[in-house]
Amino acid sequence: MTLSTQFLTLLTMIVSGFYLGVIQETFRRFTVYWKGRLFLTYFLEILFWMTQAGILFYILYRVNQGELRVYIVLACLLGFSVYQALAKQTYKNVLEYAIQVFKTIYRGIERLLKLLVISPLQWIFLMFYRMIKTILFGVFKIIAWLCRFLFTPFRWVGTAIYRICPSSIQNFFLHVAGFYSKIKNIINKYVFKKDD
């Protein structure tokens, strides 16, 4: 490596170490959301460090074709130490502020969507449901009235025929009605009450 390449590599690794401190702080801040899930915690931890190692090695490859030397590791540790000593608390404050801003924006968008989309849709569906219910209730009332209107003459005719029939036929109809009533009572007593 030329001297300029080594110098560029040194600066790049210091910046990469600083980046590693920032990204680790960010990752640690969000671990509270999956802290109770052991498998997810280990999986994300391994994934995080593998990803960061891949990023650092890619940066190193772009700078000096991937040559790894002791001073490169020390430069990375120097950048990480600079972050821990000088920028950690400031970044944590900035990160918390950014999270609060994001939460506020998210809640505002959520309320806006609820106000402009969800609430009108709920109102439309409720009105549609009430309209359909009212229409069906009206149709059923009309059908019931029509059935009563159409079957009333038949009932009148049946009542008139029953009255002019001889008493023996009237008694037969009464016996049939009584038999039907007994069967109905037996079914209600021995079938339906056993289910209760």
Protein backbone atom coordinates (compact mmCIF):
# COMPACT_ATOMS: atom_id res chain seq x y z
CA MET A 1 0.00 0.00 0.00
CA THR A 2 1.14 3.52 -0.71
CA LEU A 3 1.42 6.06 2.06
CA SER A 4 -1.66 7.95 0.87
CA THR A 5 -3.68 4.71 0.83
CA GLN A 6 -2.53 3.88 4.35
CA PHE A 7 -3.47 7.36 5.56
CA LEU A 8 -6.89 7.14 3.88
CA THR A 9 -7.37 3.67 5.39
CA LEU A 10 -6.48 5.00 8.85
CA LEU A 11 -8.97 7.88 8.61
CA THR A 12 -11.65 5.62 7.17
CA MET A 13 -11.27 3.10 10.00
CA ILE A 14 -11.42 5.85 12.63
CA VAL A 15 -14.69 7.06 11.07
CA SER A 16 -15.89 3.44 10.82
CA GLY A 17 -15.17 2.92 14.53
CA PHE A 18 -17.14 6.08 15.30
CA TYR A 19 -19.97 4.77 13.09
CA LEU A 20 -19.84 1.44 14.93
CA GLY A 21 -20.36 3.25 18.24
CA VAL A 22 -23.32 5.20 16.83
CA ILE A 23 -25.01 2.16 15.27
CA GLN A 24 -24.45 0.05 18.38
CA GLU A 25 -26.01 2.75 20.57
CA THR A 26 -28.99 2.88 18.21
CA PHE A 27 -29.35 -0.91 18.27
CA ARG A 28 -29.13 -1.02 22.07
CA ARG A 29 -31.82 1.66 22.32
CA PHE A 30 -34.29 -0.50 20.40
CA THR A 31 -33.52 -3.80 22.15
CA VAL A 32 -36.11 -2.94 24.83
CA TYR A 33 -38.85 -3.78 22.32
CA TRP A 34 -37.80 -7.45 22.06
CA LYS A 35 -36.00 -7.88 25.39
CA GLY A 36 -38.32 -10.60 26.72
CA ARG A 37 -38.00 -12.82 23.62
CA LEU A 38 -34.83 -14.84 24.03
CA PHE A 39 -34.66 -16.40 20.56
CA LEU A 40 -35.38 -13.09 18.82
CA THR A 41 -32.79 -11.32 20.98
CA TYR A 42 -30.01 -13.78 20.05
CA PHE A 43 -31.05 -13.84 16.41
CA LEU A 44 -31.04 -10.04 16.07
CA GLU A 45 -27.78 -9.75 18.03
CA ILE A 46 -26.00 -12.18 15.71
CA LEU A 47 -27.56 -10.58 12.64
CA PHE A 48 -26.52 -7.10 13.80
CA TRP A 49 -22.86 -7.98 14.37
CA MET A 50 -22.61 -9.99 11.15
CA THR A 51 -24.08 -7.05 9.23
CA GLN A 52 -21.70 -4.55 10.83
CA ALA A 53 -18.70 -6.80 10.21
CA GLY A 54 -19.75 -7.11 6.57
CA ILE A 55 -20.10 -3.32 6.25
CA LEU A 56 -16.68 -2.66 7.81
CA PHE A 57 -14.95 -5.24 5.64
CA TYR A 58 -16.67 -3.84 2.55
CA ILE A 59 -15.45 -0.33 3.43
CA LEU A 60 -11.95 -1.72 4.02
CA TYR A 61 -12.07 -3.51 0.66
CA ARG A 62 -13.09 -0.32 -1.12
CA VAL A 63 -10.25 1.64 0.52
CA ASN A 64 -7.27 -0.75 0.39
CA GLN A 65 -8.48 -3.93 -1.37
CA GLY A 66 -9.22 -5.65 1.96
CA GLU A 67 -5.76 -5.69 3.52
CA LEU A 68 -6.20 -6.13 7.28
CA ARG A 69 -3.39 -4.95 9.54
CA VAL A 70 -3.01 -4.27 13.26
CA TYR A 71 -3.11 -0.47 12.95
CA ILE A 72 -6.45 -0.78 11.06
CA VAL A 73 -8.01 -2.58 14.04
CA LEU A 74 -6.46 -0.02 16.41
CA ALA A 75 -7.83 2.84 14.26
CA CYS A 76 -11.29 1.30 14.42
CA LEU A 77 -11.01 0.98 18.21
CA LEU A 78 -9.80 4.61 18.36
CA GLY A 79 -12.87 5.81 16.49
CA PHE A 80 -15.11 3.75 18.79
CA SER A 81 -13.34 5.20 21.86
CA VAL A 82 -13.73 8.75 20.52
CA TYR A 83 -17.45 8.16 20.21
CA GLN A 84 -17.68 6.71 23.74
CA ALA A 85 -15.68 9.58 25.27
CA LEU A 86 -16.92 12.61 23.35
CA ALA A 87 -20.18 11.97 21.52
CA LYS A 88 -22.09 9.23 23.33
CA GLN A 89 -24.26 11.38 25.59
CA THR A 90 -24.94 13.95 22.87
CA TYR A 91 -25.96 11.25 20.41
CA LYS A 92 -28.20 9.56 22.99
CA ASN A 93 -30.00 12.88 23.54
CA VAL A 94 -30.35 13.43 19.79
CA LEU A 95 -31.58 9.86 19.33
CA GLU A 96 -34.20 10.22 22.08
CA TYR A 97 -35.35 13.52 20.58
CA ALA A 98 -35.59 11.94 17.11
CA ILE A 99 -37.59 9.01 18.52
CA GLN A 100 -40.00 11.38 20.26
CA VAL A 101 -40.39 13.43 17.07
CA PHE A 102 -41.04 10.23 15.10
CA LYS A 103 -43.62 9.07 17.68
CA THR A 104 -45.36 12.45 17.55
CA ILE A 105 -45.46 12.39 13.74
CA TYR A 106 -46.71 8.79 13.77
CA ARG A 107 -49.47 9.58 16.26
CA GLY A 108 -50.45 12.65 14.24
CA ILE A 109 -50.65 10.61 11.02
CA GLU A 110 -52.59 7.88 12.85
CA ARG A 111 -55.11 10.41 14.21
CA LEU A 112 -55.37 12.09 10.81
CA LEU A 113 -56.04 8.76 9.09
CA LYS A 114 -58.61 7.88 11.73
CA LEU A 115 -60.30 11.24 11.33
CA LEU A 116 -60.23 11.39 7.52
CA VAL A 117 -60.48 7.71 6.52
CA ILE A 118 -61.47 5.26 9.26
CA SER A 119 -64.20 7.32 10.96
CA PRO A 120 -65.96 8.23 7.66
CA LEU A 121 -65.78 4.58 6.53
CA GLN A 122 -67.22 3.42 9.85
CA TRP A 123 -70.01 5.99 9.54
CA ILE A 124 -70.74 4.92 5.92
CA PHE A 125 -70.86 1.23 6.87
CA LEU A 126 -73.09 1.99 9.88
CA MET A 127 -75.49 4.02 7.76
CA PHE A 128 -75.47 1.33 5.06
CA TYR A 129 -76.20 -1.35 7.68
CA ARG A 130 -79.06 0.67 9.18
CA MET A 131 -80.47 1.39 5.74
CA ILE A 132 -80.38 -2.30 4.74
CA LYS A 133 -81.91 -3.26 8.10
CA THR A 134 -84.71 -0.72 7.67
CA ILE A 135 -85.41 -1.86 4.09
CA LEU A 136 -85.50 -5.54 5.06
CA PHE A 137 -87.75 -4.82 8.04
CA GLY A 138 -90.11 -2.86 5.78
CA VAL A 139 -90.12 -5.65 3.17
CA PHE A 140 -90.90 -8.26 5.82
CA LYS A 141 -93.73 -6.12 7.18
CA ILE A 142 -95.18 -5.73 3.69
CA ILE A 143 -94.89 -9.49 3.03
CA ALA A 144 -96.55 -10.27 6.38
CA TRP A 145 -99.37 -7.85 5.62
CA LEU A 146 -99.85 -9.31 2.12
CA CYS A 147 -99.95 -12.86 3.49
CA ARG A 148 -102.51 -11.83 6.08
CA PHE A 149 -104.52 -10.00 3.41
CA LEU A 150 -104.38 -12.94 0.95
CA PHE A 151 -105.17 -15.67 3.50
CA THR A 152 -107.99 -13.79 5.27
CA PRO A 153 -110.63 -14.76 2.66
CA PHE A 154 -109.54 -18.42 2.93
CA ARG A 155 -109.90 -18.23 6.69
CA TRP A 156 -113.34 -16.72 6.35
CA VAL A 157 -114.36 -19.43 3.90
CA GLY A 158 -112.92 -22.16 6.15
CA THR A 159 -114.75 -20.76 9.19
CA ALA A 160 -118.01 -20.58 7.24
CA ILE A 161 -117.60 -24.16 5.98
CA TYR A 162 -116.77 -25.36 9.48
CA ARG A 163 -119.94 -23.74 10.84
CA ILE A 164 -122.25 -25.28 8.24
CA CYS A 165 -120.68 -28.75 8.62
CA PRO A 166 -122.54 -31.35 10.69
CA SER A 167 -121.56 -31.66 14.33
CA SER A 168 -119.87 -35.04 13.72
CA ILE A 169 -117.45 -33.47 11.23
CA GLN A 170 -116.90 -30.53 13.58
CA ASN A 171 -116.07 -33.03 16.38
CA PHE A 172 -113.65 -34.83 14.02
CA PHE A 173 -111.83 -31.57 13.35
CA LEU A 174 -111.77 -30.87 17.09
CA HIS A 175 -110.31 -34.34 17.77
CA VAL A 176 -107.63 -33.79 15.08
CA ALA A 177 -106.77 -30.43 16.61
CA GLY A 178 -106.63 -31.98 20.09
CA PHE A 179 -104.45 -34.85 18.86
CA TYR A 180 -102.10 -32.38 17.20
CA SER A 181 -101.97 -30.37 20.43
CA LYS A 182 -101.12 -33.51 22.48
CA ILE A 183 -98.34 -34.54 20.08
CA LYS A 184 -96.93 -31.03 20.24
CA ASN A 185 -97.00 -31.07 24.07
CA ILE A 186 -95.30 -34.51 24.20
CA ILE A 187 -92.56 -33.37 21.83
CA ASN A 188 -92.00 -30.22 23.87
CA LYS A 189 -91.91 -32.20 27.12
CA TYR A 190 -89.72 -35.16 26.18
CA VAL A 191 -87.56 -33.83 23.38
CA PHE A 192 -86.88 -30.17 23.93
CA LYS A 193 -86.77 -30.24 27.75
CA LYS A 194 -84.19 -33.04 27.72
CA ASP A 195 -81.87 -30.81 25.73
CA ASP A 196 -82.14 -28.14 28.40
